[in-house]
Amino acid sequence: MSLSDHPAAHASTPDPPSPRSPDRTDPSSRGTMDPWVRVAAWSAGVVVFIDVVFLALIQVIAHPLTVFAAITLAGVALLRWRPRIGMWLLVIVSLVALTDVGSLLTHLAFPTSGIDFVHAFVGLFGRLLVVAAGIAAWRRLGEAAARRTGTVAVGLLGAAVLLATGTSLLSSGQEPAERDTVTVIAEGAFEDALVASGGTLYVDNQDLFRHTYTVVGTDIDVHLDARQGERIDIDLDPGVYEVICVIPHHDFMDATLTVQ
């Protein structure tokens, strides 16, 4: 019997194992995260960073932004170990945050404060980018598109920072207070004020953000740009009035105005 006739010679030779493609959802696969997941992670991280800076500047912890920031951080952490769950969490919290788009657009329309403008810009476009990245990851769009999107996002953020810096430099100087006026300092909160009927109140906004000095039940509703002051004529009947800021999420800005 020849060697070629031996049964073992006709035995099928197993095919060599094909190279295994990296699993992008496997936490042990370094550097193989879906490019759109990376876009979502970076966008969400920038949003959280700006939110934390904003909260630190206004010195408020109990704020809706605190909840959004905590949930967003949880979503970013899950992207490393449970990408699908993390992405869904980021998309959902971003959509919920975008329900306040009216307030964000208002802050963008009045760029009187650099950090206020950057916060509104990042909050709006950063959250939109997270949602777009989630849709792109679901549709499995290519890596080239993700890189282009990331480049455009970085360029827009840089432009926003430059614009905010220019706005802060241009908004210099404020109307000085006159003699025989009562001065109220707005820095994190309004001060209570006591003024005579027919007198003048000078409200000095020392915050980095725009406020309004609104006396409830009256026609007094004065807009205060960041680092600016305004004189207000108090033609009110004697009494105690409530003062608020009508800008969304500025509920902490309240005080009383006593008119004698």
C-alpha atoms as a PDB file:
ATOM      1  CA  MET A   1       0.000   0.000   0.000  1.00  0.00           C
ATOM      2  CA  SER A   2       1.373   3.336  -0.989  1.00  0.00           C
ATOM      3  CA  LEU A   3       1.514   6.266   1.401  1.00  0.00           C
ATOM      4  CA  SER A   4      -1.087   8.087  -0.627  1.00  0.00           C
ATOM      5  CA  ASP A   5      -3.502   5.174  -0.156  1.00  0.00           C
ATOM      6  CA  HIS A   6      -3.247   5.311   3.625  1.00  0.00           C
ATOM      7  CA  PRO A   7      -6.542   6.479   5.187  1.00  0.00           C
ATOM      8  CA  ALA A   8      -4.795   9.062   7.309  1.00  0.00           C
ATOM      9  CA  ALA A   9      -3.551  10.802   4.172  1.00  0.00           C
ATOM     10  CA  HIS A  10      -7.113  11.543   3.121  1.00  0.00           C
ATOM     11  CA  ALA A  11      -8.145  12.886   6.483  1.00  0.00           C
ATOM     12  CA  SER A  12      -9.284  16.503   6.237  1.00  0.00           C
ATOM     13  CA  THR A  13      -6.772  18.974   7.566  1.00  0.00           C
ATOM     14  CA  PRO A  14      -8.417  21.532   9.865  1.00  0.00           C
ATOM     15  CA  ASP A  15      -8.400  25.083   8.547  1.00  0.00           C
ATOM     16  CA  PRO A  16      -6.182  27.483  10.454  1.00  0.00           C
ATOM     17  CA  PRO A  17      -8.159  29.674  12.839  1.00  0.00           C
ATOM     18  CA  SER A  18      -9.136  32.970  11.303  1.00  0.00           C
ATOM     19  CA  PRO A  19      -7.915  36.044  13.105  1.00  0.00           C
ATOM     20  CA  ARG A  20     -10.492  37.221  15.595  1.00  0.00           C
ATOM     21  CA  SER A  21     -11.747  40.705  15.045  1.00  0.00           C
ATOM     22  CA  PRO A  22     -11.585  42.825  18.183  1.00  0.00           C
ATOM     23  CA  ASP A  23     -14.790  43.089  20.166  1.00  0.00           C
ATOM     24  CA  ARG A  24     -15.466  46.755  20.720  1.00  0.00           C
ATOM     25  CA  THR A  25     -17.693  45.988  23.671  1.00  0.00           C
ATOM     26  CA  ASP A  26     -15.019  43.873  25.385  1.00  0.00           C
ATOM     27  CA  PRO A  27     -13.351  45.888  28.177  1.00  0.00           C
ATOM     28  CA  SER A  28     -10.152  43.898  27.723  1.00  0.00           C
ATOM     29  CA  SER A  29      -9.762  45.142  24.139  1.00  0.00           C
ATOM     30  CA  ARG A  30      -7.764  48.311  24.531  1.00  0.00           C
ATOM     31  CA  GLY A  31      -8.009  50.961  21.869  1.00  0.00           C
ATOM     32  CA  THR A  32     -10.927  49.256  20.086  1.00  0.00           C
ATOM     33  CA  MET A  33     -13.799  51.362  21.416  1.00  0.00           C
ATOM     34  CA  ASP A  34     -16.234  52.421  18.733  1.00  0.00           C
ATOM     35  CA  PRO A  35     -15.172  55.872  17.432  1.00  0.00           C
ATOM     36  CA  TRP A  36     -18.668  57.276  17.972  1.00  0.00           C
ATOM     37  CA  VAL A  37     -18.598  56.059  21.556  1.00  0.00           C
ATOM     38  CA  ARG A  38     -15.368  58.025  21.996  1.00  0.00           C
ATOM     39  CA  VAL A  39     -17.055  61.131  20.531  1.00  0.00           C
ATOM     40  CA  ALA A  40     -19.928  60.736  23.000  1.00  0.00           C
ATOM     41  CA  ALA A  41     -17.527  60.209  25.901  1.00  0.00           C
ATOM     42  CA  TRP A  42     -15.458  63.305  25.142  1.00  0.00           C
ATOM     43  CA  SER A  43     -18.535  65.458  24.507  1.00  0.00           C
ATOM     44  CA  ALA A  44     -20.206  64.347  27.732  1.00  0.00           C
ATOM     45  CA  GLY A  45     -16.967  64.858  29.658  1.00  0.00           C
ATOM     46  CA  VAL A  46     -16.642  68.449  28.446  1.00  0.00           C
ATOM     47  CA  VAL A  47     -20.285  69.134  29.322  1.00  0.00           C
ATOM     48  CA  VAL A  48     -19.788  67.830  32.866  1.00  0.00           C
ATOM     49  CA  PHE A  49     -16.579  69.826  33.316  1.00  0.00           C
ATOM     50  CA  ILE A  50     -18.269  73.092  32.288  1.00  0.00           C
ATOM     51  CA  ASP A  51     -21.286  72.296  34.492  1.00  0.00           C
ATOM     52  CA  VAL A  52     -19.022  71.756  37.512  1.00  0.00           C
ATOM     53  CA  VAL A  53     -17.174  75.026  36.853  1.00  0.00           C
ATOM     54  CA  PHE A  54     -20.504  76.840  36.513  1.00  0.00           C
ATOM     55  CA  LEU A  55     -21.831  75.381  39.782  1.00  0.00           C
ATOM     56  CA  ALA A  56     -18.604  76.289  41.573  1.00  0.00           C
ATOM     57  CA  LEU A  57     -18.822  79.883  40.373  1.00  0.00           C
ATOM     58  CA  ILE A  58     -22.432  80.371  41.433  1.00  0.00           C
ATOM     59  CA  GLN A  59     -21.674  78.481  44.679  1.00  0.00           C
ATOM     60  CA  VAL A  60     -24.785  76.327  44.463  1.00  0.00           C
ATOM     61  CA  ILE A  61     -24.916  72.563  44.938  1.00  0.00           C
ATOM     62  CA  ALA A  62     -28.653  71.826  45.046  1.00  0.00           C
ATOM     63  CA  HIS A  63     -29.249  72.531  41.373  1.00  0.00           C
ATOM     64  CA  PRO A  64     -30.676  70.513  38.439  1.00  0.00           C
ATOM     65  CA  LEU A  65     -27.234  70.675  36.829  1.00  0.00           C
ATOM     66  CA  THR A  66     -25.839  68.656  39.733  1.00  0.00           C
ATOM     67  CA  VAL A  67     -28.213  65.784  38.934  1.00  0.00           C
ATOM     68  CA  PHE A  68     -27.467  65.952  35.203  1.00  0.00           C
ATOM     69  CA  ALA A  69     -23.721  66.020  35.855  1.00  0.00           C
ATOM     70  CA  ALA A  70     -23.867  62.994  38.186  1.00  0.00           C
ATOM     71  CA  ILE A  71     -25.920  60.906  35.737  1.00  0.00           C
ATOM     72  CA  THR A  72     -23.692  61.949  32.840  1.00  0.00           C
ATOM     73  CA  LEU A  73     -20.573  60.889  34.758  1.00  0.00           C
ATOM     74  CA  ALA A  74     -22.193  57.514  35.426  1.00  0.00           C
ATOM     75  CA  GLY A  75     -22.899  57.135  31.709  1.00  0.00           C
ATOM     76  CA  VAL A  76     -19.320  57.983  30.774  1.00  0.00           C
ATOM     77  CA  ALA A  77     -18.026  55.413  33.273  1.00  0.00           C
ATOM     78  CA  LEU A  78     -20.335  52.746  31.847  1.00  0.00           C
ATOM     79  CA  LEU A  79     -19.031  53.363  28.320  1.00  0.00           C
ATOM     80  CA  ARG A  80     -15.835  51.530  29.255  1.00  0.00           C
ATOM     81  CA  TRP A  81     -17.491  48.397  30.610  1.00  0.00           C
ATOM     82  CA  ARG A  82     -21.051  48.423  29.260  1.00  0.00           C
ATOM     83  CA  PRO A  83     -20.924  50.630  26.134  1.00  0.00           C
ATOM     84  CA  ARG A  84     -24.504  50.021  25.050  1.00  0.00           C
ATOM     85  CA  ILE A  85     -25.989  50.819  28.468  1.00  0.00           C
ATOM     86  CA  GLY A  86     -23.695  53.806  28.899  1.00  0.00           C
ATOM     87  CA  MET A  87     -24.611  55.211  25.499  1.00  0.00           C
ATOM     88  CA  TRP A  88     -28.327  54.836  26.137  1.00  0.00           C
ATOM     89  CA  LEU A  89     -27.954  56.558  29.508  1.00  0.00           C
ATOM     90  CA  LEU A  90     -26.034  59.474  27.964  1.00  0.00           C
ATOM     91  CA  VAL A  91     -28.558  59.885  25.160  1.00  0.00           C
ATOM     92  CA  ILE A  92     -31.525  59.840  27.546  1.00  0.00           C
ATOM     93  CA  VAL A  93     -30.038  62.342  30.027  1.00  0.00           C
ATOM     94  CA  SER A  94     -29.001  64.595  27.131  1.00  0.00           C
ATOM     95  CA  LEU A  95     -32.525  64.573  25.683  1.00  0.00           C
ATOM     96  CA  VAL A  96     -33.959  65.420  29.109  1.00  0.00           C
ATOM     97  CA  ALA A  97     -31.456  68.267  29.532  1.00  0.00           C
ATOM     98  CA  LEU A  98     -32.341  69.598  26.074  1.00  0.00           C
ATOM     99  CA  THR A  99     -35.953  70.117  27.139  1.00  0.00           C
ATOM    100  CA  ASP A 100     -34.610  73.339  28.675  1.00  0.00           C
ATOM    101  CA  VAL A 101     -33.429  74.501  25.261  1.00  0.00           C
ATOM    102  CA  GLY A 102     -35.328  77.798  25.652  1.00  0.00           C
ATOM    103  CA  SER A 103     -33.148  78.837  28.583  1.00  0.00           C
ATOM    104  CA  LEU A 104     -29.961  77.825  26.739  1.00  0.00           C
ATOM    105  CA  LEU A 105     -30.933  79.851  23.680  1.00  0.00           C
ATOM    106  CA  THR A 106     -31.701  82.848  25.894  1.00  0.00           C
ATOM    107  CA  HIS A 107     -28.215  82.742  27.384  1.00  0.00           C
ATOM    108  CA  LEU A 108     -26.702  82.389  23.911  1.00  0.00           C
ATOM    109  CA  ALA A 109     -28.684  85.385  22.676  1.00  0.00           C
ATOM    110  CA  PHE A 110     -27.314  87.596  25.476  1.00  0.00           C
ATOM    111  CA  PRO A 111     -23.552  86.841  25.661  1.00  0.00           C
ATOM    112  CA  THR A 112     -22.807  89.402  28.353  1.00  0.00           C
ATOM    113  CA  SER A 113     -20.783  86.917  30.405  1.00  0.00           C
ATOM    114  CA  GLY A 114     -17.990  84.771  29.057  1.00  0.00           C
ATOM    115  CA  ILE A 115     -18.555  81.717  31.273  1.00  0.00           C
ATOM    116  CA  ASP A 116     -22.321  82.078  30.871  1.00  0.00           C
ATOM    117  CA  PHE A 117     -21.978  81.959  27.077  1.00  0.00           C
ATOM    118  CA  VAL A 118     -19.554  79.029  27.102  1.00  0.00           C
ATOM    119  CA  HIS A 119     -21.789  77.119  29.532  1.00  0.00           C
ATOM    120  CA  ALA A 120     -24.874  77.613  27.350  1.00  0.00           C
ATOM    121  CA  PHE A 121     -22.949  76.779  24.159  1.00  0.00           C
ATOM    122  CA  VAL A 122     -21.417  73.581  25.537  1.00  0.00           C
ATOM    123  CA  GLY A 123     -24.658  72.576  27.223  1.00  0.00           C
ATOM    124  CA  LEU A 124     -26.617  72.902  23.974  1.00  0.00           C
ATOM    125  CA  PHE A 125     -24.207  71.667  21.318  1.00  0.00           C
ATOM    126  CA  GLY A 126     -22.434  69.170  23.585  1.00  0.00           C
ATOM    127  CA  ARG A 127     -25.699  67.432  24.433  1.00  0.00           C
ATOM    128  CA  LEU A 128     -26.771  67.501  20.769  1.00  0.00           C
ATOM    129  CA  LEU A 129     -23.445  65.929  19.820  1.00  0.00           C
ATOM    130  CA  VAL A 130     -23.946  63.142  22.379  1.00  0.00           C
ATOM    131  CA  VAL A 131     -27.370  62.356  20.874  1.00  0.00           C
ATOM    132  CA  ALA A 132     -25.950  62.459  17.330  1.00  0.00           C
ATOM    133  CA  ALA A 133     -23.073  60.160  18.349  1.00  0.00           C
ATOM    134  CA  GLY A 134     -25.542  57.701  19.842  1.00  0.00           C
ATOM    135  CA  ILE A 135     -27.537  57.601  16.609  1.00  0.00           C
ATOM    136  CA  ALA A 136     -24.350  57.245  14.538  1.00  0.00           C
ATOM    137  CA  ALA A 137     -23.109  54.368  16.726  1.00  0.00           C
ATOM    138  CA  TRP A 138     -26.466  52.627  16.379  1.00  0.00           C
ATOM    139  CA  ARG A 139     -26.317  52.989  12.590  1.00  0.00           C
ATOM    140  CA  ARG A 140     -22.654  51.901  12.608  1.00  0.00           C
ATOM    141  CA  LEU A 141     -21.355  54.862  10.618  1.00  0.00           C
ATOM    142  CA  GLY A 142     -17.678  54.897   9.703  1.00  0.00           C
ATOM    143  CA  GLU A 143     -14.685  56.023  11.718  1.00  0.00           C
ATOM    144  CA  ALA A 144     -13.797  58.742   9.211  1.00  0.00           C
ATOM    145  CA  ALA A 145     -17.102  60.487   9.855  1.00  0.00           C
ATOM    146  CA  ALA A 146     -16.496  60.284  13.608  1.00  0.00           C
ATOM    147  CA  ARG A 147     -13.071  61.892  13.216  1.00  0.00           C
ATOM    148  CA  ARG A 148     -14.488  64.718  11.101  1.00  0.00           C
ATOM    149  CA  THR A 149     -17.259  65.292  13.623  1.00  0.00           C
ATOM    150  CA  GLY A 150     -14.760  65.400  16.479  1.00  0.00           C
ATOM    151  CA  THR A 151     -12.576  67.891  14.615  1.00  0.00           C
ATOM    152  CA  VAL A 152     -15.536  70.167  13.913  1.00  0.00           C
ATOM    153  CA  ALA A 153     -16.651  69.944  17.554  1.00  0.00           C
ATOM    154  CA  VAL A 154     -13.199  70.958  18.800  1.00  0.00           C
ATOM    155  CA  GLY A 155     -13.167  73.877  16.356  1.00  0.00           C
ATOM    156  CA  LEU A 156     -16.582  75.091  17.496  1.00  0.00           C
ATOM    157  CA  LEU A 157     -15.564  74.871  21.143  1.00  0.00           C
ATOM    158  CA  GLY A 158     -12.425  76.888  20.445  1.00  0.00           C
ATOM    159  CA  ALA A 159     -14.448  79.522  18.598  1.00  0.00           C
ATOM    160  CA  ALA A 160     -16.894  79.720  21.510  1.00  0.00           C
ATOM    161  CA  VAL A 161     -14.068  80.254  24.007  1.00  0.00           C
ATOM    162  CA  LEU A 162     -12.542  83.001  21.832  1.00  0.00           C
ATOM    163  CA  LEU A 163     -15.909  84.705  21.430  1.00  0.00           C
ATOM    164  CA  ALA A 164     -16.570  84.484  25.160  1.00  0.00           C
ATOM    165  CA  THR A 165     -13.154  85.987  25.921  1.00  0.00           C
ATOM    166  CA  GLY A 166     -13.773  88.854  23.518  1.00  0.00           C
ATOM    167  CA  THR A 167     -17.208  89.466  25.016  1.00  0.00           C
ATOM    168  CA  SER A 168     -15.763  89.629  28.522  1.00  0.00           C
ATOM    169  CA  LEU A 169     -13.103  92.124  27.439  1.00  0.00           C
ATOM    170  CA  LEU A 170     -15.605  94.340  25.643  1.00  0.00           C
ATOM    171  CA  SER A 171     -18.106  94.419  28.505  1.00  0.00           C
ATOM    172  CA  SER A 172     -15.934  96.597  30.712  1.00  0.00           C
ATOM    173  CA  GLY A 173     -16.950  99.528  32.830  1.00  0.00           C
ATOM    174  CA  GLN A 174     -20.233 100.053  34.629  1.00  0.00           C
ATOM    175  CA  GLU A 175     -22.526 102.873  35.514  1.00  0.00           C
ATOM    176  CA  PRO A 176     -21.277 104.418  38.766  1.00  0.00           C
ATOM    177  CA  ALA A 177     -23.551 104.821  41.723  1.00  0.00           C
ATOM    178  CA  GLU A 178     -24.583 108.361  42.620  1.00  0.00           C
ATOM    179  CA  ARG A 179     -24.691 109.934  46.016  1.00  0.00           C
ATOM    180  CA  ASP A 180     -27.866 109.677  48.055  1.00  0.00           C
ATOM    181  CA  THR A 181     -28.711 106.274  46.585  1.00  0.00           C
ATOM    182  CA  VAL A 182     -29.031 102.904  48.268  1.00  0.00           C
ATOM    183  CA  THR A 183     -26.635 100.314  46.865  1.00  0.00           C
ATOM    184  CA  VAL A 184     -27.482  96.618  46.638  1.00  0.00           C
ATOM    185  CA  ILE A 185     -24.737  94.093  45.866  1.00  0.00           C
ATOM    186  CA  ALA A 186     -25.723  91.062  43.798  1.00  0.00           C
ATOM    187  CA  GLU A 187     -23.062  88.393  44.301  1.00  0.00           C
ATOM    188  CA  GLY A 188     -24.509  84.920  44.508  1.00  0.00           C
ATOM    189  CA  ALA A 189     -27.686  86.403  46.024  1.00  0.00           C
ATOM    190  CA  PHE A 190     -29.446  89.726  46.333  1.00  0.00           C
ATOM    191  CA  GLU A 191     -29.128  91.766  49.494  1.00  0.00           C
ATOM    192  CA  ASP A 192     -32.212  92.989  51.300  1.00  0.00           C
ATOM    193  CA  ALA A 193     -32.716  96.706  50.765  1.00  0.00           C
ATOM    194  CA  LEU A 194     -34.355  99.600  52.597  1.00  0.00           C
ATOM    195  CA  VAL A 195     -35.144 102.682  50.542  1.00  0.00           C
ATOM    196  CA  ALA A 196     -37.446 105.682  50.810  1.00  0.00           C
ATOM    197  CA  SER A 197     -40.395 105.970  48.448  1.00  0.00           C
ATOM    198  CA  GLY A 198     -39.284 108.154  45.565  1.00  0.00           C
ATOM    199  CA  GLY A 199     -35.635 107.333  46.219  1.00  0.00           C
ATOM    200  CA  THR A 200     -33.063 105.605  44.031  1.00  0.00           C
ATOM    201  CA  LEU A 201     -31.697 102.083  44.295  1.00  0.00           C
ATOM    202  CA  TYR A 202     -28.379 101.142  42.692  1.00  0.00           C
ATOM    203  CA  VAL A 203     -28.031  97.415  42.022  1.00  0.00           C
ATOM    204  CA  ASP A 204     -24.453  96.316  41.428  1.00  0.00           C
ATOM    205  CA  ASN A 205     -24.246  92.896  39.787  1.00  0.00           C
ATOM    206  CA  GLN A 206     -20.820  91.551  40.728  1.00  0.00           C
ATOM    207  CA  ASP A 207     -21.574  88.056  39.426  1.00  0.00           C
ATOM    208  CA  LEU A 208     -20.180  86.557  36.239  1.00  0.00           C
ATOM    209  CA  PHE A 209     -23.727  85.959  35.050  1.00  0.00           C
ATOM    210  CA  ARG A 210     -26.686  88.010  33.938  1.00  0.00           C
ATOM    211  CA  HIS A 211     -29.549  88.586  36.394  1.00  0.00           C
ATOM    212  CA  THR A 212     -32.775  90.505  36.619  1.00  0.00           C
ATOM    213  CA  TYR A 213     -33.878  92.628  39.556  1.00  0.00           C
ATOM    214  CA  THR A 214     -37.599  91.985  39.477  1.00  0.00           C
ATOM    215  CA  VAL A 215     -39.898  93.365  42.164  1.00  0.00           C
ATOM    216  CA  VAL A 216     -42.919  91.076  42.297  1.00  0.00           C
ATOM    217  CA  GLY A 217     -46.247  92.796  41.712  1.00  0.00           C
ATOM    218  CA  THR A 218     -44.708  95.977  40.282  1.00  0.00           C
ATOM    219  CA  ASP A 219     -43.384  97.244  36.948  1.00  0.00           C
ATOM    220  CA  ILE A 220     -39.776  97.057  38.132  1.00  0.00           C
ATOM    221  CA  ASP A 221     -38.014  94.417  36.041  1.00  0.00           C
ATOM    222  CA  VAL A 222     -34.437  95.500  35.346  1.00  0.00           C
ATOM    223  CA  HIS A 223     -31.911  93.386  33.432  1.00  0.00           C
ATOM    224  CA  LEU A 224     -28.451  93.352  34.982  1.00  0.00           C
ATOM    225  CA  ASP A 225     -25.581  92.380  32.719  1.00  0.00           C
ATOM    226  CA  ALA A 226     -22.605  90.579  34.228  1.00  0.00           C
ATOM    227  CA  ARG A 227     -20.295  92.908  36.167  1.00  0.00           C
ATOM    228  CA  GLN A 228     -22.636  95.834  35.516  1.00  0.00           C
ATOM    229  CA  GLY A 229     -24.795  98.090  37.650  1.00  0.00           C
ATOM    230  CA  GLU A 230     -28.112  99.864  37.125  1.00  0.00           C
ATOM    231  CA  ARG A 231     -29.931 102.693  38.921  1.00  0.00           C
ATOM    232  CA  ILE A 232     -33.603 102.095  39.655  1.00  0.00           C
ATOM    233  CA  ASP A 233     -36.099 104.781  40.641  1.00  0.00           C
ATOM    234  CA  ILE A 234     -38.310 103.436  43.428  1.00  0.00           C
ATOM    235  CA  ASP A 235     -41.710 105.048  42.886  1.00  0.00           C
ATOM    236  CA  LEU A 236     -43.586 102.557  45.032  1.00  0.00           C
ATOM    237  CA  ASP A 237     -45.979 102.803  47.932  1.00  0.00           C
ATOM    238  CA  PRO A 238     -44.495 102.023  51.351  1.00  0.00           C
ATOM    239  CA  GLY A 239     -44.419  98.346  52.121  1.00  0.00           C
ATOM    240  CA  VAL A 240     -42.365  95.183  51.864  1.00  0.00           C
ATOM    241  CA  TYR A 241     -41.863  93.699  48.389  1.00  0.00           C
ATOM    242  CA  GLU A 242     -40.403  90.422  47.171  1.00  0.00           C
ATOM    243  CA  VAL A 243     -37.424  90.609  44.818  1.00  0.00           C
ATOM    244  CA  ILE A 244     -36.538  87.739  42.478  1.00  0.00           C
ATOM    245  CA  CYS A 245     -34.471  86.960  39.383  1.00  0.00           C
ATOM    246  CA  VAL A 246     -36.679  85.610  36.579  1.00  0.00           C
ATOM    247  CA  ILE A 247     -33.865  83.862  34.704  1.00  0.00           C
ATOM    248  CA  PRO A 248     -34.469  80.080  34.776  1.00  0.00           C
ATOM    249  CA  HIS A 249     -32.683  78.202  37.581  1.00  0.00           C
ATOM    250  CA  HIS A 250     -31.862  81.452  39.423  1.00  0.00           C
ATOM    251  CA  ASP A 251     -34.354  80.701  42.205  1.00  0.00           C
ATOM    252  CA  PHE A 252     -31.621  81.330  44.775  1.00  0.00           C
ATOM    253  CA  MET A 253     -31.626  85.041  43.811  1.00  0.00           C
ATOM    254  CA  ASP A 254     -34.333  86.391  46.110  1.00  0.00           C
ATOM    255  CA  ALA A 255     -34.562  89.145  48.687  1.00  0.00           C
ATOM    256  CA  THR A 256     -36.905  91.728  50.149  1.00  0.00           C
ATOM    257  CA  LEU A 257     -37.239  95.413  49.285  1.00  0.00           C
ATOM    258  CA  THR A 258     -38.636  97.574  52.071  1.00  0.00           C
ATOM    259  CA  VAL A 259     -40.026 100.939  50.959  1.00  0.00           C
ATOM    260  CA  GLN A 260     -40.637 103.616  53.587  1.00  0.00           C
END
